[in-house]
C-alpha atoms as a PDB file:
ATOM      1  CA  MET A   1     -87.362 -22.829  -4.527  1.00  0.00           C
ATOM      2  CA  GLU A   2     -89.894 -25.143  -6.117  1.00  0.00           C
ATOM      3  CA  GLU A   3     -89.035 -27.396  -9.015  1.00  0.00           C
ATOM      4  CA  PHE A   4     -90.987 -26.613 -12.166  1.00  0.00           C
ATOM      5  CA  TYR A   5     -92.702 -29.769 -13.422  1.00  0.00           C
ATOM      6  CA  ILE A   6     -95.185 -30.218 -16.267  1.00  0.00           C
ATOM      7  CA  PRO A   7     -96.889 -33.603 -16.481  1.00  0.00           C
ATOM      8  CA  LEU A   8     -96.409 -35.477 -19.742  1.00  0.00           C
ATOM      9  CA  TRP A   9    -100.130 -35.554 -20.495  1.00  0.00           C
ATOM     10  CA  ARG A  10    -100.225 -31.751 -20.499  1.00  0.00           C
ATOM     11  CA  ILE A  11     -97.365 -31.559 -22.961  1.00  0.00           C
ATOM     12  CA  ILE A  12     -99.059 -34.012 -25.316  1.00  0.00           C
ATOM     13  CA  ALA A  13    -102.363 -32.201 -24.920  1.00  0.00           C
ATOM     14  CA  CYS A  14    -100.812 -29.056 -26.291  1.00  0.00           C
ATOM     15  CA  ASN A  15    -102.055 -28.617 -29.850  1.00  0.00           C
ATOM     16  CA  MET A  16     -98.730 -27.403 -31.177  1.00  0.00           C
ATOM     17  CA  CYS A  17     -96.913 -30.311 -29.560  1.00  0.00           C
ATOM     18  CA  ARG A  18     -99.341 -32.772 -31.175  1.00  0.00           C
ATOM     19  CA  LYS A  19     -98.568 -31.285 -34.567  1.00  0.00           C
ATOM     20  CA  LEU A  20     -94.818 -31.521 -33.947  1.00  0.00           C
ATOM     21  CA  ILE A  21     -95.078 -35.127 -32.792  1.00  0.00           C
ATOM     22  CA  TRP A  22     -97.202 -35.975 -35.843  1.00  0.00           C
ATOM     23  CA  LEU A  23     -94.662 -34.342 -38.189  1.00  0.00           C
ATOM     24  CA  LEU A  24     -91.804 -36.188 -36.505  1.00  0.00           C
ATOM     25  CA  PHE A  25     -93.648 -39.490 -36.891  1.00  0.00           C
ATOM     26  CA  LEU A  26     -94.407 -38.721 -40.551  1.00  0.00           C
ATOM     27  CA  LYS A  27     -90.773 -37.858 -41.293  1.00  0.00           C
ATOM     28  CA  CYS A  28     -89.574 -41.080 -39.654  1.00  0.00           C
ATOM     29  CA  PHE A  29     -92.121 -43.115 -41.625  1.00  0.00           C
ATOM     30  CA  ILE A  30     -91.084 -41.531 -44.932  1.00  0.00           C
ATOM     31  CA  LEU A  31     -87.416 -42.094 -44.137  1.00  0.00           C
ATOM     32  CA  PHE A  32     -88.135 -45.743 -43.368  1.00  0.00           C
ATOM     33  CA  CYS A  33     -90.067 -46.200 -46.627  1.00  0.00           C
ATOM     34  CA  VAL A  34     -87.295 -44.633 -48.681  1.00  0.00           C
ATOM     35  CA  SER A  35     -84.576 -46.722 -47.068  1.00  0.00           C
ATOM     36  CA  ALA A  36     -86.496 -50.017 -47.230  1.00  0.00           C
ATOM     37  CA  LYS A  37     -85.085 -52.816 -49.338  1.00  0.00           C
ATOM     38  CA  ALA A  38     -86.236 -52.307 -52.917  1.00  0.00           C
ATOM     39  CA  GLN A  39     -86.749 -54.940 -55.561  1.00  0.00           C
ATOM     40  CA  ASP A  40     -83.942 -55.074 -58.092  1.00  0.00           C
ATOM     41  CA  ALA A  41     -84.180 -57.220 -61.235  1.00  0.00           C
ATOM     42  CA  SER A  42     -80.440 -56.877 -61.872  1.00  0.00           C
ATOM     43  CA  LYS A  43     -79.750 -59.073 -58.815  1.00  0.00           C
ATOM     44  CA  LEU A  44     -81.742 -62.046 -60.154  1.00  0.00           C
ATOM     45  CA  PRO A  45     -78.736 -63.775 -61.796  1.00  0.00           C
ATOM     46  CA  LYS A  46     -76.860 -63.538 -58.490  1.00  0.00           C
ATOM     47  CA  TYR A  47     -79.767 -65.156 -56.620  1.00  0.00           C
ATOM     48  CA  PHE A  48     -80.036 -67.943 -59.199  1.00  0.00           C
ATOM     49  CA  ASN A  49     -76.293 -68.512 -58.880  1.00  0.00           C
ATOM     50  CA  ASP A  50     -76.612 -68.608 -55.080  1.00  0.00           C
ATOM     51  CA  LEU A  51     -79.415 -71.163 -55.424  1.00  0.00           C
ATOM     52  CA  PHE A  52     -77.437 -73.478 -57.712  1.00  0.00           C
ATOM     53  CA  GLU A  53     -74.300 -73.263 -55.574  1.00  0.00           C
ATOM     54  CA  ALA A  54     -76.117 -73.746 -52.253  1.00  0.00           C
ATOM     55  CA  LYS A  55     -75.351 -76.960 -50.406  1.00  0.00           C
ATOM     56  CA  ALA A  56     -77.243 -76.345 -47.168  1.00  0.00           C
ATOM     57  CA  ASP A  57     -81.015 -76.048 -47.015  1.00  0.00           C
ATOM     58  CA  SER A  58     -80.771 -72.745 -45.162  1.00  0.00           C
ATOM     59  CA  ALA A  59     -78.816 -71.216 -48.056  1.00  0.00           C
ATOM     60  CA  LYS A  60     -81.403 -72.526 -50.532  1.00  0.00           C
ATOM     61  CA  VAL A  61     -84.231 -71.089 -48.429  1.00  0.00           C
ATOM     62  CA  GLU A  62     -82.511 -67.710 -48.434  1.00  0.00           C
ATOM     63  CA  ALA A  63     -82.040 -67.813 -52.220  1.00  0.00           C
ATOM     64  CA  TYR A  64     -85.678 -68.836 -52.768  1.00  0.00           C
ATOM     65  CA  ARG A  65     -86.806 -66.014 -50.477  1.00  0.00           C
ATOM     66  CA  ASP A  66     -84.767 -63.448 -52.401  1.00  0.00           C
ATOM     67  CA  LEU A  67     -86.053 -64.777 -55.732  1.00  0.00           C
ATOM     68  CA  CYS A  68     -89.636 -64.694 -54.485  1.00  0.00           C
ATOM     69  CA  PHE A  69     -89.270 -61.107 -53.283  1.00  0.00           C
ATOM     70  CA  ASN A  70     -87.652 -59.841 -56.470  1.00  0.00           C
ATOM     71  CA  PHE A  71     -90.067 -61.659 -58.782  1.00  0.00           C
ATOM     72  CA  SER A  72     -93.174 -60.555 -56.867  1.00  0.00           C
ATOM     73  CA  MET A  73     -93.655 -57.339 -58.881  1.00  0.00           C
ATOM     74  CA  LEU A  74     -91.733 -58.308 -62.012  1.00  0.00           C
ATOM     75  CA  ASN A  75     -93.491 -61.614 -62.657  1.00  0.00           C
ATOM     76  CA  PRO A  76     -95.978 -62.571 -59.907  1.00  0.00           C
ATOM     77  CA  ASP A  77     -96.420 -66.162 -61.117  1.00  0.00           C
ATOM     78  CA  SER A  78     -92.702 -66.815 -60.742  1.00  0.00           C
ATOM     79  CA  GLY A  79     -92.728 -65.078 -57.374  1.00  0.00           C
ATOM     80  CA  ILE A  80     -95.468 -67.436 -56.171  1.00  0.00           C
ATOM     81  CA  TYR A  81     -93.563 -70.421 -57.565  1.00  0.00           C
ATOM     82  CA  PHE A  82     -90.360 -69.544 -55.706  1.00  0.00           C
ATOM     83  CA  GLY A  83     -92.345 -68.687 -52.577  1.00  0.00           C
ATOM     84  CA  LYS A  84     -93.949 -72.146 -52.598  1.00  0.00           C
ATOM     85  CA  LYS A  85     -90.557 -73.800 -53.130  1.00  0.00           C
ATOM     86  CA  ASP A  86     -89.223 -71.798 -50.193  1.00  0.00           C
ATOM     87  CA  TRP A  87     -92.182 -72.797 -48.009  1.00  0.00           C
ATOM     88  CA  ARG A  88     -91.877 -76.507 -48.867  1.00  0.00           C
ATOM     89  CA  LEU A  89     -88.169 -76.455 -48.096  1.00  0.00           C
ATOM     90  CA  ARG A  90     -88.799 -74.743 -44.751  1.00  0.00           C
ATOM     91  CA  LEU A  91     -91.345 -77.377 -43.748  1.00  0.00           C
ATOM     92  CA  LYS A  92     -89.012 -80.225 -44.705  1.00  0.00           C
END
């Protein structure tokens, strides 16, 4: 009795399979976009508090990064400011 084997390229070449693979990819992409970290202005006081309480440079860098991210859409000038502070501290 022979083993039934279909090469992978034939499966992918199937038009219906291409559509299913495309839909699976699209669903995964949408799920990723929905679950991505969103900007939240209510967390800004926490990040400022983290920045003022930080002793180590790594903690300050993390607070600057979070401030930069959350200010990027709310107030882009402030986001750039905190991003530059973060960058300078990383290079130090």
